[in-house]
Amino acid sequence: MDSALPIQEQNRIIEILKQYCTSEIEFHSFYTRRAAHKSFIFFHLLVPGDWDVIKAHDLTVKIERHIQSELSHSEVFIHLEPLNVEESYDDYLRNRE
């Protein structure tokens, strides 16, 4: 049976993500799972819609590696979304209702 990561690990990941947040970079829809010895981390990363793919990809790789350096045996899944598009917040708003 799998379960969420311990709260202290979740908080550490959130602190890492906050290091990358600016007026142009946000995250939401954060959740975690642990199955056996493997940790799974999922979230949506919002960046400016006019960023090119390389710039956005480079940021996701940097964040993935940062998290993995703190939490070994983790898989990080980042769903990239444009910050300035209303639909990017649909799941976030739906989950808050």
PDB file of N, CA and C in Angstrom:
ATOM      1  N   MET A   1       0.849  -1.180   0.000  1.00  0.00           N
ATOM      2  CA  MET A   1       0.000   0.000   0.000  1.00  0.00           C
ATOM      3  C   MET A   1       0.890   1.237   0.000  1.00  0.00           C
ATOM      4  N   ASP A   2       0.534   2.205  -0.805  1.00  0.00           N
ATOM      5  CA  ASP A   2       1.322   3.431  -0.818  1.00  0.00           C
ATOM      6  C   ASP A   2       0.641   4.504   0.014  1.00  0.00           C
ATOM      7  N   SER A   3       1.419   5.549   0.334  1.00  0.00           N
ATOM      8  CA  SER A   3       0.911   6.635   1.155  1.00  0.00           C
ATOM      9  C   SER A   3       1.699   7.899   0.827  1.00  0.00           C
ATOM     10  N   ALA A   4       1.236   9.019   1.333  1.00  0.00           N
ATOM     11  CA  ALA A   4       1.954  10.283   1.148  1.00  0.00           C
ATOM     12  C   ALA A   4       3.284  10.233   1.895  1.00  0.00           C
ATOM     13  N   LEU A   5       4.224  11.042   1.450  1.00  0.00           N
ATOM     14  CA  LEU A   5       5.500  11.156   2.160  1.00  0.00           C
ATOM     15  C   LEU A   5       5.264  11.758   3.538  1.00  0.00           C
ATOM     16  N   PRO A   6       6.129  11.493   4.477  1.00  0.00           N
ATOM     17  CA  PRO A   6       6.007  12.124   5.799  1.00  0.00           C
ATOM     18  C   PRO A   6       5.993  13.651   5.663  1.00  0.00           C
ATOM     19  N   ILE A   7       5.275  14.296   6.544  1.00  0.00           N
ATOM     20  CA  ILE A   7       5.087  15.755   6.455  1.00  0.00           C
ATOM     21  C   ILE A   7       6.409  16.509   6.443  1.00  0.00           C
ATOM     22  N   GLN A   8       7.419  16.040   7.181  1.00  0.00           N
ATOM     23  CA  GLN A   8       8.702  16.742   7.196  1.00  0.00           C
ATOM     24  C   GLN A   8       9.376  16.676   5.816  1.00  0.00           C
ATOM     25  N   GLU A   9       9.207  15.571   5.106  1.00  0.00           N
ATOM     26  CA  GLU A   9       9.755  15.477   3.752  1.00  0.00           C
ATOM     27  C   GLU A   9       8.964  16.363   2.791  1.00  0.00           C
ATOM     28  N   GLN A  10       7.647  16.369   2.942  1.00  0.00           N
ATOM     29  CA  GLN A  10       6.827  17.249   2.105  1.00  0.00           C
ATOM     30  C   GLN A  10       7.218  18.707   2.321  1.00  0.00           C
ATOM     31  N   ASN A  11       7.388  19.079   3.569  1.00  0.00           N
ATOM     32  CA  ASN A  11       7.767  20.463   3.877  1.00  0.00           C
ATOM     33  C   ASN A  11       9.132  20.813   3.290  1.00  0.00           C
ATOM     34  N   ARG A  12      10.059  19.886   3.313  1.00  0.00           N
ATOM     35  CA  ARG A  12      11.387  20.126   2.733  1.00  0.00           C
ATOM     36  C   ARG A  12      11.282  20.348   1.227  1.00  0.00           C
ATOM     37  N   ILE A  13      10.466  19.556   0.564  1.00  0.00           N
ATOM     38  CA  ILE A  13      10.266  19.733  -0.877  1.00  0.00           C
ATOM     39  C   ILE A  13       9.632  21.085  -1.162  1.00  0.00           C
ATOM     40  N   ILE A  14       8.644  21.456  -0.383  1.00  0.00           N
ATOM     41  CA  ILE A  14       7.987  22.759  -0.574  1.00  0.00           C
ATOM     42  C   ILE A  14       8.985  23.890  -0.374  1.00  0.00           C
ATOM     43  N   GLU A  15       9.851  23.765   0.608  1.00  0.00           N
ATOM     44  CA  GLU A  15      10.886  24.792   0.823  1.00  0.00           C
ATOM     45  C   GLU A  15      11.817  24.884  -0.391  1.00  0.00           C
ATOM     46  N   ILE A  16      12.164  23.765  -0.970  1.00  0.00           N
ATOM     47  CA  ILE A  16      12.988  23.777  -2.179  1.00  0.00           C
ATOM     48  C   ILE A  16      12.248  24.491  -3.302  1.00  0.00           C
ATOM     49  N   LEU A  17      10.979  24.143  -3.505  1.00  0.00           N
ATOM     50  CA  LEU A  17      10.206  24.764  -4.577  1.00  0.00           C
ATOM     51  C   LEU A  17      10.073  26.274  -4.377  1.00  0.00           C
ATOM     52  N   LYS A  18       9.893  26.692  -3.150  1.00  0.00           N
ATOM     53  CA  LYS A  18       9.770  28.129  -2.866  1.00  0.00           C
ATOM     54  C   LYS A  18      11.040  28.892  -3.236  1.00  0.00           C
ATOM     55  N   GLN A  19      12.183  28.227  -3.221  1.00  0.00           N
ATOM     56  CA  GLN A  19      13.432  28.881  -3.607  1.00  0.00           C
ATOM     57  C   GLN A  19      13.417  29.297  -5.075  1.00  0.00           C
ATOM     58  N   TYR A  20      12.595  28.649  -5.869  1.00  0.00           N
ATOM     59  CA  TYR A  20      12.522  28.940  -7.297  1.00  0.00           C
ATOM     60  C   TYR A  20      11.360  29.870  -7.649  1.00  0.00           C
ATOM     61  N   CYS A  21      10.480  30.121  -6.695  1.00  0.00           N
ATOM     62  CA  CYS A  21       9.313  30.965  -6.955  1.00  0.00           C
ATOM     63  C   CYS A  21       9.712  32.430  -7.040  1.00  0.00           C
ATOM     64  N   THR A  22       9.148  33.090  -8.021  1.00  0.00           N
ATOM     65  CA  THR A  22       9.319  34.525  -8.221  1.00  0.00           C
ATOM     66  C   THR A  22       7.969  35.063  -8.659  1.00  0.00           C
ATOM     67  N   SER A  23       7.941  36.292  -9.103  1.00  0.00           N
ATOM     68  CA  SER A  23       6.690  36.827  -9.648  1.00  0.00           C
ATOM     69  C   SER A  23       6.328  36.134 -10.957  1.00  0.00           C
ATOM     70  N   GLU A  24       7.288  35.415 -11.560  1.00  0.00           N
ATOM     71  CA  GLU A  24       7.056  34.727 -12.835  1.00  0.00           C
ATOM     72  C   GLU A  24       7.016  33.211 -12.718  1.00  0.00           C
ATOM     73  N   ILE A  25       7.295  32.670 -11.557  1.00  0.00           N
ATOM     74  CA  ILE A  25       7.339  31.221 -11.391  1.00  0.00           C
ATOM     75  C   ILE A  25       6.549  30.842 -10.142  1.00  0.00           C
ATOM     76  N   GLU A  26       5.605  29.918 -10.318  1.00  0.00           N
ATOM     77  CA  GLU A  26       4.771  29.442  -9.220  1.00  0.00           C
ATOM     78  C   GLU A  26       4.632  27.931  -9.321  1.00  0.00           C
ATOM     79  N   PHE A  27       4.139  27.312  -8.269  1.00  0.00           N
ATOM     80  CA  PHE A  27       3.790  25.900  -8.332  1.00  0.00           C
ATOM     81  C   PHE A  27       2.479  25.687  -7.597  1.00  0.00           C
ATOM     82  N   HIS A  28       1.793  24.624  -7.958  1.00  0.00           N
ATOM     83  CA  HIS A  28       0.575  24.227  -7.263  1.00  0.00           C
ATOM     84  C   HIS A  28       0.309  22.757  -7.566  1.00  0.00           C
ATOM     85  N   SER A  29      -0.795  22.240  -7.064  1.00  0.00           N
ATOM     86  CA  SER A  29      -1.188  20.835  -7.255  1.00  0.00           C
ATOM     87  C   SER A  29      -0.066  19.884  -6.830  1.00  0.00           C
ATOM     88  N   PHE A  30       0.510  20.176  -5.685  1.00  0.00           N
ATOM     89  CA  PHE A  30       1.612  19.390  -5.135  1.00  0.00           C
ATOM     90  C   PHE A  30       1.063  18.174  -4.392  1.00  0.00           C
ATOM     91  N   TYR A  31       1.573  17.007  -4.736  1.00  0.00           N
ATOM     92  CA  TYR A  31       1.262  15.828  -3.926  1.00  0.00           C
ATOM     93  C   TYR A  31       2.382  14.802  -4.037  1.00  0.00           C
ATOM     94  N   THR A  32       2.417  13.921  -3.089  1.00  0.00           N
ATOM     95  CA  THR A  32       3.500  12.933  -3.002  1.00  0.00           C
ATOM     96  C   THR A  32       2.916  11.556  -2.709  1.00  0.00           C
ATOM     97  N   ARG A  33       3.684  10.543  -3.054  1.00  0.00           N
ATOM     98  CA  ARG A  33       3.343   9.167  -2.737  1.00  0.00           C
ATOM     99  C   ARG A  33       4.629   8.417  -2.431  1.00  0.00           C
ATOM    100  N   ARG A  34       4.536   7.416  -1.628  1.00  0.00           N
ATOM    101  CA  ARG A  34       5.658   6.510  -1.392  1.00  0.00           C
ATOM    102  C   ARG A  34       5.138   5.095  -1.604  1.00  0.00           C
ATOM    103  N   ALA A  35       5.891   4.361  -2.397  1.00  0.00           N
ATOM    104  CA  ALA A  35       5.594   2.946  -2.628  1.00  0.00           C
ATOM    105  C   ALA A  35       6.908   2.193  -2.434  1.00  0.00           C
ATOM    106  N   ALA A  36       6.909   1.322  -1.451  1.00  0.00           N
ATOM    107  CA  ALA A  36       8.129   0.595  -1.069  1.00  0.00           C
ATOM    108  C   ALA A  36       9.211   1.612  -0.719  1.00  0.00           C
ATOM    109  N   HIS A  37      10.351   1.539  -1.368  1.00  0.00           N
ATOM    110  CA  HIS A  37      11.457   2.462  -1.046  1.00  0.00           C
ATOM    111  C   HIS A  37      11.507   3.665  -1.984  1.00  0.00           C
ATOM    112  N   LYS A  38      10.545   3.804  -2.880  1.00  0.00           N
ATOM    113  CA  LYS A  38      10.561   4.858  -3.883  1.00  0.00           C
ATOM    114  C   LYS A  38       9.581   5.969  -3.518  1.00  0.00           C
ATOM    115  N   SER A  39      10.045   7.232  -3.657  1.00  0.00           N
ATOM    116  CA  SER A  39       9.195   8.401  -3.415  1.00  0.00           C
ATOM    117  C   SER A  39       8.816   9.021  -4.756  1.00  0.00           C
ATOM    118  N   PHE A  40       7.577   9.439  -4.861  1.00  0.00           N
ATOM    119  CA  PHE A  40       7.068  10.065  -6.074  1.00  0.00           C
ATOM    120  C   PHE A  40       6.549  11.456  -5.719  1.00  0.00           C
ATOM    121  N   ILE A  41       7.020  12.448  -6.441  1.00  0.00           N
ATOM    122  CA  ILE A  41       6.680  13.840  -6.170  1.00  0.00           C
ATOM    123  C   ILE A  41       6.075  14.428  -7.439  1.00  0.00           C
ATOM    124  N   PHE A  42       4.890  14.996  -7.312  1.00  0.00           N
ATOM    125  CA  PHE A  42       4.169  15.550  -8.448  1.00  0.00           C
ATOM    126  C   PHE A  42       3.781  16.998  -8.143  1.00  0.00           C
ATOM    127  N   PHE A  43       3.902  17.856  -9.134  1.00  0.00           N
ATOM    128  CA  PHE A  43       3.390  19.218  -9.000  1.00  0.00           C
ATOM    129  C   PHE A  43       3.325  19.885 -10.364  1.00  0.00           C
ATOM    130  N   HIS A  44       2.587  20.971 -10.426  1.00  0.00           N
ATOM    131  CA  HIS A  44       2.502  21.785 -11.628  1.00  0.00           C
ATOM    132  C   HIS A  44       3.417  22.990 -11.425  1.00  0.00           C
ATOM    133  N   LEU A  45       4.213  23.279 -12.433  1.00  0.00           N
ATOM    134  CA  LEU A  45       5.110  24.427 -12.410  1.00  0.00           C
ATOM    135  C   LEU A  45       4.610  25.424 -13.441  1.00  0.00           C
ATOM    136  N   LEU A  46       4.328  26.622 -12.995  1.00  0.00           N
ATOM    137  CA  LEU A  46       3.820  27.669 -13.884  1.00  0.00           C
ATOM    138  C   LEU A  46       4.933  28.658 -14.180  1.00  0.00           C
ATOM    139  N   VAL A  47       5.152  28.887 -15.469  1.00  0.00           N
ATOM    140  CA  VAL A  47       6.188  29.813 -15.938  1.00  0.00           C
ATOM    141  C   VAL A  47       5.575  30.731 -16.981  1.00  0.00           C
ATOM    142  N   PRO A  48       6.234  31.833 -17.316  1.00  0.00           N
ATOM    143  CA  PRO A  48       5.689  32.724 -18.338  1.00  0.00           C
ATOM    144  C   PRO A  48       5.427  31.974 -19.654  1.00  0.00           C
ATOM    145  N   GLY A  49       4.299  32.269 -20.256  1.00  0.00           N
ATOM    146  CA  GLY A  49       3.909  31.609 -21.483  1.00  0.00           C
ATOM    147  C   GLY A  49       4.827  31.897 -22.658  1.00  0.00           C
ATOM    148  N   ASP A  50       5.606  32.954 -22.564  1.00  0.00           N
ATOM    149  CA  ASP A  50       6.484  33.285 -23.687  1.00  0.00           C
ATOM    150  C   ASP A  50       7.889  32.682 -23.549  1.00  0.00           C
ATOM    151  N   TRP A  51       8.109  31.882 -22.497  1.00  0.00           N
ATOM    152  CA  TRP A  51       9.396  31.192 -22.370  1.00  0.00           C
ATOM    153  C   TRP A  51       9.511  30.157 -23.479  1.00  0.00           C
ATOM    154  N   ASP A  52      10.727  29.960 -23.981  1.00  0.00           N
ATOM    155  CA  ASP A  52      10.900  28.887 -24.956  1.00  0.00           C
ATOM    156  C   ASP A  52      11.028  27.560 -24.216  1.00  0.00           C
ATOM    157  N   VAL A  53      10.898  26.482 -24.950  1.00  0.00           N
ATOM    158  CA  VAL A  53      10.902  25.146 -24.364  1.00  0.00           C
ATOM    159  C   VAL A  53      12.219  24.858 -23.659  1.00  0.00           C
ATOM    160  N   ILE A  54      13.315  25.280 -24.228  1.00  0.00           N
ATOM    161  CA  ILE A  54      14.621  25.010 -23.622  1.00  0.00           C
ATOM    162  C   ILE A  54      14.743  25.667 -22.257  1.00  0.00           C
ATOM    163  N   LYS A  55      14.324  26.910 -22.147  1.00  0.00           N
ATOM    164  CA  LYS A  55      14.412  27.618 -20.866  1.00  0.00           C
ATOM    165  C   LYS A  55      13.547  26.930 -19.801  1.00  0.00           C
ATOM    166  N   ALA A  56      12.324  26.572 -20.172  1.00  0.00           N
ATOM    167  CA  ALA A  56      11.427  25.900 -19.225  1.00  0.00           C
ATOM    168  C   ALA A  56      11.968  24.521 -18.853  1.00  0.00           C
ATOM    169  N   HIS A  57      12.469  23.798 -19.831  1.00  0.00           N
ATOM    170  CA  HIS A  57      13.028  22.468 -19.567  1.00  0.00           C
ATOM    171  C   HIS A  57      14.234  22.558 -18.642  1.00  0.00           C
ATOM    172  N   ASP A  58      15.114  23.507 -18.890  1.00  0.00           N
ATOM    173  CA  ASP A  58      16.294  23.675 -18.036  1.00  0.00           C
ATOM    174  C   ASP A  58      15.902  23.919 -16.584  1.00  0.00           C
ATOM    175  N   LEU A  59      14.859  24.709 -16.378  1.00  0.00           N
ATOM    176  CA  LEU A  59      14.397  24.962 -15.011  1.00  0.00           C
ATOM    177  C   LEU A  59      13.846  23.693 -14.379  1.00  0.00           C
ATOM    178  N   THR A  60      13.068  22.929 -15.123  1.00  0.00           N
ATOM    179  CA  THR A  60      12.515  21.701 -14.539  1.00  0.00           C
ATOM    180  C   THR A  60      13.625  20.713 -14.179  1.00  0.00           C
ATOM    181  N   VAL A  61      14.640  20.605 -15.016  1.00  0.00           N
ATOM    182  CA  VAL A  61      15.763  19.708 -14.713  1.00  0.00           C
ATOM    183  C   VAL A  61      16.488  20.173 -13.457  1.00  0.00           C
ATOM    184  N   LYS A  62      16.695  21.464 -13.338  1.00  0.00           N
ATOM    185  CA  LYS A  62      17.371  22.016 -12.157  1.00  0.00           C
ATOM    186  C   LYS A  62      16.576  21.703 -10.881  1.00  0.00           C
ATOM    187  N   ILE A  63      15.263  21.885 -10.940  1.00  0.00           N
ATOM    188  CA  ILE A  63      14.414  21.611  -9.776  1.00  0.00           C
ATOM    189  C   ILE A  63      14.406  20.117  -9.464  1.00  0.00           C
ATOM    190  N   GLU A  64      14.251  19.287 -10.487  1.00  0.00           N
ATOM    191  CA  GLU A  64      14.263  17.834 -10.272  1.00  0.00           C
ATOM    192  C   GLU A  64      15.548  17.401  -9.582  1.00  0.00           C
ATOM    193  N   ARG A  65      16.667  17.855 -10.074  1.00  0.00           N
ATOM    194  CA  ARG A  65      17.961  17.458  -9.495  1.00  0.00           C
ATOM    195  C   ARG A  65      18.119  17.963  -8.071  1.00  0.00           C
ATOM    196  N   HIS A  66      17.622  19.162  -7.801  1.00  0.00           N
ATOM    197  CA  HIS A  66      17.703  19.711  -6.447  1.00  0.00           C
ATOM    198  C   HIS A  66      16.906  18.826  -5.482  1.00  0.00           C
ATOM    199  N   ILE A  67      15.691  18.498  -5.870  1.00  0.00           N
ATOM    200  CA  ILE A  67      14.863  17.647  -5.011  1.00  0.00           C
ATOM    201  C   ILE A  67      15.511  16.275  -4.835  1.00  0.00           C
ATOM    202  N   GLN A  68      15.991  15.694  -5.923  1.00  0.00           N
ATOM    203  CA  GLN A  68      16.597  14.371  -5.841  1.00  0.00           C
ATOM    204  C   GLN A  68      17.881  14.365  -5.019  1.00  0.00           C
ATOM    205  N   SER A  69      18.578  15.492  -4.980  1.00  0.00           N
ATOM    206  CA  SER A  69      19.777  15.553  -4.138  1.00  0.00           C
ATOM    207  C   SER A  69      19.422  15.545  -2.656  1.00  0.00           C
ATOM    208  N   GLU A  70      18.238  15.994  -2.328  1.00  0.00           N
ATOM    209  CA  GLU A  70      17.773  16.019  -0.935  1.00  0.00           C
ATOM    210  C   GLU A  70      17.032  14.734  -0.553  1.00  0.00           C
ATOM    211  N   LEU A  71      16.362  14.135  -1.519  1.00  0.00           N
ATOM    212  CA  LEU A  71      15.577  12.929  -1.267  1.00  0.00           C
ATOM    213  C   LEU A  71      15.997  11.853  -2.256  1.00  0.00           C
ATOM    214  N   SER A  72      16.895  11.003  -1.819  1.00  0.00           N
ATOM    215  CA  SER A  72      17.335   9.935  -2.711  1.00  0.00           C
ATOM    216  C   SER A  72      16.163   8.991  -2.980  1.00  0.00           C
ATOM    217  N   HIS A  73      16.267   8.246  -4.039  1.00  0.00           N
ATOM    218  CA  HIS A  73      15.227   7.299  -4.458  1.00  0.00           C
ATOM    219  C   HIS A  73      13.905   7.997  -4.734  1.00  0.00           C
ATOM    220  N   SER A  74      13.972   9.198  -5.318  1.00  0.00           N
ATOM    221  CA  SER A  74      12.739   9.907  -5.639  1.00  0.00           C
ATOM    222  C   SER A  74      12.615  10.110  -7.144  1.00  0.00           C
ATOM    223  N   GLU A  75      11.378  10.081  -7.572  1.00  0.00           N
ATOM    224  CA  GLU A  75      11.026  10.399  -8.949  1.00  0.00           C
ATOM    225  C   GLU A  75      10.212  11.678  -8.894  1.00  0.00           C
ATOM    226  N   VAL A  76      10.582  12.654  -9.711  1.00  0.00           N
ATOM    227  CA  VAL A  76       9.912  13.946  -9.708  1.00  0.00           C
ATOM    228  C   VAL A  76       9.197  14.125 -11.042  1.00  0.00           C
ATOM    229  N   PHE A  77       7.908  14.410 -10.976  1.00  0.00           N
ATOM    230  CA  PHE A  77       7.088  14.615 -12.161  1.00  0.00           C
ATOM    231  C   PHE A  77       6.566  16.045 -12.144  1.00  0.00           C
ATOM    232  N   ILE A  78       6.976  16.822 -13.129  1.00  0.00           N
ATOM    233  CA  ILE A  78       6.601  18.236 -13.197  1.00  0.00           C
ATOM    234  C   ILE A  78       5.730  18.453 -14.419  1.00  0.00           C
ATOM    235  N   HIS A  79       4.541  18.961 -14.192  1.00  0.00           N
ATOM    236  CA  HIS A  79       3.643  19.339 -15.285  1.00  0.00           C
ATOM    237  C   HIS A  79       3.825  20.833 -15.507  1.00  0.00           C
ATOM    238  N   LEU A  80       4.314  21.204 -16.649  1.00  0.00           N
ATOM    239  CA  LEU A  80       4.619  22.596 -16.959  1.00  0.00           C
ATOM    240  C   LEU A  80       3.382  23.287 -17.532  1.00  0.00           C
ATOM    241  N   GLU A  81       3.099  24.491 -17.038  1.00  0.00           N
ATOM    242  CA  GLU A  81       1.940  25.255 -17.503  1.00  0.00           C
ATOM    243  C   GLU A  81       2.321  26.727 -17.654  1.00  0.00           C
ATOM    244  N   PRO A  82       1.626  27.437 -18.545  1.00  0.00           N
ATOM    245  CA  PRO A  82       1.874  28.868 -18.693  1.00  0.00           C
ATOM    246  C   PRO A  82       1.208  29.645 -17.551  1.00  0.00           C
ATOM    247  N   LEU A  83       1.948  30.520 -16.970  1.00  0.00           N
ATOM    248  CA  LEU A  83       1.493  31.309 -15.827  1.00  0.00           C
ATOM    249  C   LEU A  83       0.311  32.211 -16.175  1.00  0.00           C
ATOM    250  N   ASN A  84       0.318  32.757 -17.352  1.00  0.00           N
ATOM    251  CA  ASN A  84      -0.651  33.783 -17.713  1.00  0.00           C
ATOM    252  C   ASN A  84      -1.872  33.243 -18.456  1.00  0.00           C
ATOM    253  N   VAL A  85      -2.179  31.960 -18.297  1.00  0.00           N
ATOM    254  CA  VAL A  85      -3.343  31.358 -18.938  1.00  0.00           C
ATOM    255  C   VAL A  85      -4.287  30.861 -17.849  1.00  0.00           C
ATOM    256  N   GLU A  86      -5.527  31.298 -17.905  1.00  0.00           N
ATOM    257  CA  GLU A  86      -6.495  30.978 -16.855  1.00  0.00           C
ATOM    258  C   GLU A  86      -6.680  29.475 -16.654  1.00  0.00           C
ATOM    259  N   GLU A  87      -6.671  28.706 -17.726  1.00  0.00           N
ATOM    260  CA  GLU A  87      -6.866  27.260 -17.626  1.00  0.00           C
ATOM    261  C   GLU A  87      -5.776  26.570 -16.805  1.00  0.00           C
ATOM    262  N   SER A  88      -4.632  27.203 -16.660  1.00  0.00           N
ATOM    263  CA  SER A  88      -3.545  26.619 -15.873  1.00  0.00           C
ATOM    264  C   SER A  88      -3.925  26.458 -14.405  1.00  0.00           C
ATOM    265  N   TYR A  89      -4.960  27.172 -13.992  1.00  0.00           N
ATOM    266  CA  TYR A  89      -5.385  27.129 -12.593  1.00  0.00           C
ATOM    267  C   TYR A  89      -6.638  26.284 -12.378  1.00  0.00           C
ATOM    268  N   ASP A  90      -7.177  25.686 -13.439  1.00  0.00           N
ATOM    269  CA  ASP A  90      -8.423  24.931 -13.319  1.00  0.00           C
ATOM    270  C   ASP A  90      -8.347  23.839 -12.262  1.00  0.00           C
ATOM    271  N   ASP A  91      -7.321  23.006 -12.313  1.00  0.00           N
ATOM    272  CA  ASP A  91      -7.220  21.915 -11.344  1.00  0.00           C
ATOM    273  C   ASP A  91      -6.985  22.444  -9.939  1.00  0.00           C
ATOM    274  N   TYR A  92      -6.226  23.513  -9.828  1.00  0.00           N
ATOM    275  CA  TYR A  92      -5.952  24.129  -8.527  1.00  0.00           C
ATOM    276  C   TYR A  92      -7.253  24.638  -7.909  1.00  0.00           C
ATOM    277  N   LEU A  93      -8.040  25.337  -8.697  1.00  0.00           N
ATOM    278  CA  LEU A  93      -9.300  25.875  -8.201  1.00  0.00           C
ATOM    279  C   LEU A  93     -10.298  24.765  -7.912  1.00  0.00           C
ATOM    280  N   ARG A  94     -10.337  23.763  -8.756  1.00  0.00           N
ATOM    281  CA  ARG A  94     -11.257  22.636  -8.585  1.00  0.00           C
ATOM    282  C   ARG A  94     -10.945  21.895  -7.280  1.00  0.00           C
ATOM    283  N   ASN A  95      -9.668  21.739  -6.948  1.00  0.00           N
ATOM    284  CA  ASN A  95      -9.268  21.033  -5.736  1.00  0.00           C
ATOM    285  C   ASN A  95      -9.519  21.848  -4.475  1.00  0.00           C
ATOM    286  N   ARG A  96      -9.706  23.137  -4.600  1.00  0.00           N
ATOM    287  CA  ARG A  96      -9.941  23.983  -3.425  1.00  0.00           C
ATOM    288  C   ARG A  96     -11.412  24.068  -3.073  1.00  0.00           C
ATOM    289  N   GLU A  97     -12.283  23.624  -3.977  1.00  0.00           N
ATOM    290  CA  GLU A  97     -13.735  23.721  -3.735  1.00  0.00           C
ATOM    291  C   GLU A  97     -14.198  22.693  -2.741  1.00  0.00           C
TER     292      GLU A  97
END
